Amino acid sequence: MEGMSGPYPVRGSVSLPEAELMWRFSRSSGPGGQHVNTSDSQVELRFDLARTEALPEVWKQRALERLAGRLVGGVVTVRASEHRSQWRNREAAAVRLAALLAEATAPPPRPRRPTRVPRGINERRLREKKRRSETKRGRSARDWG
């Protein structure tokens, strides 16, 4: 497995530079025995989305708008603690941040072009309703007396 140091690709030729990523390490909770008490394997990765120069301005505005609920002072934070090794958690956090930014900077979907229901389909639906109604009307008790 090769190292993930250096720029992390977001989409196309745009990537996150290592200089703009802020790492913080702490002790992870959960299983791990004595090892977990001595190593800082949990990773918190912070990226200042509001001040970054790595993303095009249009992408940055789109991401700020879409991630508004996750941002604290224009900074997006991602945590990873699922692995026992700090290196693998660093890798997981970086990949997660890149995926989050790729989704947030994606262009909006094309607007849906409204279409009409074809006349034949509508007529067939009405014929089915009429037939069903006749079937049910035939079950009524008024003719059985």
Protein backbone atom coordinates (compact mmCIF):
# COMPACT_ATOMS: atom_id res chain seq x y z
CA MET A 1 0.00 0.00 0.00
CA GLU A 2 1.50 3.34 -0.99
CA GLY A 3 1.57 6.42 1.26
CA MET A 4 -1.14 9.04 1.06
CA SER A 5 1.00 12.05 1.88
CA GLY A 6 0.81 15.09 -0.35
CA PRO A 7 -2.12 16.60 -2.18
CA TYR A 8 -5.42 14.74 -1.90
CA PRO A 9 -7.47 14.82 -5.14
CA VAL A 10 -10.97 16.29 -4.89
CA ARG A 11 -12.21 16.25 -8.48
CA GLY A 12 -10.38 16.58 -11.77
CA SER A 13 -7.06 18.35 -11.37
CA VAL A 14 -8.11 20.12 -8.14
CA SER A 15 -6.61 18.72 -4.95
CA LEU A 16 -6.20 19.64 -1.28
CA PRO A 17 -2.67 20.81 -0.48
CA GLU A 18 -1.06 19.30 2.60
CA ALA A 19 -0.15 22.80 3.88
CA GLU A 20 -3.84 23.75 4.32
CA LEU A 21 -4.79 20.64 6.31
CA MET A 22 -4.70 20.85 10.11
CA TRP A 23 -4.27 17.52 11.90
CA ARG A 24 -5.03 16.79 15.55
CA PHE A 25 -4.53 13.46 17.29
CA SER A 26 -6.09 12.11 20.46
CA ARG A 27 -6.67 8.84 22.23
CA SER A 28 -9.33 6.76 20.59
CA SER A 29 -12.11 5.11 22.58
CA GLY A 30 -13.16 1.50 22.16
CA PRO A 31 -11.32 -1.82 22.17
CA GLY A 32 -7.59 -2.13 21.81
CA GLY A 33 -6.25 -3.27 25.15
CA GLN A 34 -3.22 -1.58 26.68
CA HIS A 35 -2.20 -0.17 23.30
CA VAL A 36 -5.19 2.19 23.20
CA ASN A 37 -4.18 3.82 26.48
CA THR A 38 -0.78 4.89 25.19
CA SER A 39 -1.25 5.90 21.55
CA ASP A 40 -3.06 8.83 19.95
CA SER A 41 -4.76 6.96 17.14
CA GLN A 42 -7.92 9.07 16.69
CA VAL A 43 -7.49 11.66 13.94
CA GLU A 44 -9.30 14.98 13.56
CA LEU A 45 -8.71 16.67 10.22
CA ARG A 46 -9.67 20.34 9.83
CA PHE A 47 -9.81 22.27 6.56
CA ASP A 48 -10.45 26.01 6.39
CA LEU A 49 -12.94 26.11 3.53
CA ALA A 50 -13.63 29.85 3.82
CA ARG A 51 -9.95 30.90 3.39
CA THR A 52 -8.64 28.23 1.04
CA GLU A 53 -7.01 29.13 -2.26
CA ALA A 54 -6.94 25.53 -3.51
CA LEU A 55 -10.55 25.47 -4.76
CA PRO A 56 -11.95 27.59 -7.61
CA GLU A 57 -14.16 30.43 -6.30
CA VAL A 58 -17.37 28.92 -7.75
CA TRP A 59 -16.67 25.57 -6.09
CA LYS A 60 -15.82 27.27 -2.80
CA GLN A 61 -19.10 29.22 -2.73
CA ARG A 62 -21.06 26.09 -3.62
CA ALA A 63 -19.34 24.09 -0.87
CA LEU A 64 -19.82 26.85 1.73
CA GLU A 65 -23.52 26.93 0.89
CA ARG A 66 -24.03 23.14 0.94
CA LEU A 67 -21.90 22.44 4.03
CA ALA A 68 -23.21 25.41 6.04
CA GLY A 69 -24.59 23.11 8.77
CA ARG A 70 -21.22 21.37 9.25
CA LEU A 71 -18.98 24.43 9.26
CA VAL A 72 -17.70 26.12 12.41
CA GLY A 73 -16.24 29.48 11.48
CA GLY A 74 -15.74 28.39 7.87
CA VAL A 75 -13.78 25.27 8.92
CA VAL A 76 -14.95 21.75 8.09
CA THR A 77 -13.89 18.95 10.46
CA VAL A 78 -13.66 15.21 9.79
CA ARG A 79 -12.87 12.55 12.42
CA ALA A 80 -11.61 9.02 11.96
CA SER A 81 -11.05 6.45 14.69
CA GLU A 82 -12.16 3.15 13.16
CA HIS A 83 -8.61 1.78 12.76
CA ARG A 84 -6.11 1.01 15.51
CA SER A 85 -3.26 2.71 13.68
CA GLN A 86 -2.94 6.47 13.42
CA TRP A 87 -1.60 6.20 9.87
CA ARG A 88 -4.70 4.34 8.62
CA ASN A 89 -6.97 6.80 10.44
CA ARG A 90 -5.12 9.69 8.78
CA GLU A 91 -5.69 8.06 5.43
CA ALA A 92 -9.38 7.45 6.18
CA ALA A 93 -9.93 11.05 7.32
CA ALA A 94 -8.23 12.50 4.23
CA VAL A 95 -10.24 10.30 1.87
CA ARG A 96 -13.45 11.18 3.73
CA LEU A 97 -12.72 14.92 3.51
CA ALA A 98 -11.89 14.70 -0.21
CA ALA A 99 -15.14 12.78 -0.86
CA LEU A 100 -17.15 15.29 1.18
CA LEU A 101 -15.69 18.21 -0.77
CA ALA A 102 -16.16 16.42 -4.10
CA GLU A 103 -19.85 15.95 -3.33
CA ALA A 104 -20.28 19.51 -2.03
CA THR A 105 -18.60 21.10 -5.06
CA ALA A 106 -20.40 19.00 -7.68
CA PRO A 107 -22.51 21.00 -10.14
CA PRO A 108 -26.26 21.05 -9.45
CA PRO A 109 -28.31 18.48 -11.35
CA ARG A 110 -30.06 19.55 -14.53
CA PRO A 111 -33.57 20.83 -13.91
CA ARG A 112 -36.26 18.31 -14.75
CA ARG A 113 -38.13 19.01 -17.94
CA PRO A 114 -41.82 18.51 -17.22
CA THR A 115 -43.56 16.04 -19.50
CA ARG A 116 -47.22 15.31 -20.11
CA VAL A 117 -48.86 11.94 -19.60
CA PRO A 118 -49.65 10.51 -23.06
CA ARG A 119 -53.33 10.50 -23.97
CA GLY A 120 -53.40 6.73 -24.57
CA ILE A 121 -52.11 5.97 -21.07
CA ASN A 122 -54.67 8.30 -19.50
CA GLU A 123 -57.52 6.73 -21.51
CA ARG A 124 -56.39 3.21 -20.55
CA ARG A 125 -56.35 4.26 -16.87
CA LEU A 126 -59.87 5.64 -17.11
CA ARG A 127 -61.10 2.44 -18.87
CA GLU A 128 -59.57 0.33 -16.06
CA LYS A 129 -61.27 2.51 -13.44
CA LYS A 130 -64.61 2.17 -15.22
CA ARG A 131 -64.25 -1.64 -15.45
CA ARG A 132 -63.29 -1.90 -11.78
CA SER A 133 -66.23 0.28 -10.82
CA GLU A 134 -68.62 -1.98 -12.79
CA THR A 135 -67.16 -5.05 -11.03
CA LYS A 136 -67.74 -3.50 -7.64
CA ARG A 137 -71.19 -2.23 -8.52
CA GLY A 138 -72.09 -5.81 -9.50
CA ARG A 139 -71.33 -6.94 -5.96
CA SER A 140 -73.90 -4.66 -4.31
CA ALA A 141 -76.75 -6.31 -2.38
CA ARG A 142 -79.63 -4.34 -3.98
CA ASP A 143 -80.25 -6.93 -6.75
CA TRP A 144 -80.19 -9.97 -4.48
CA GLY A 145 -83.48 -9.38 -2.69
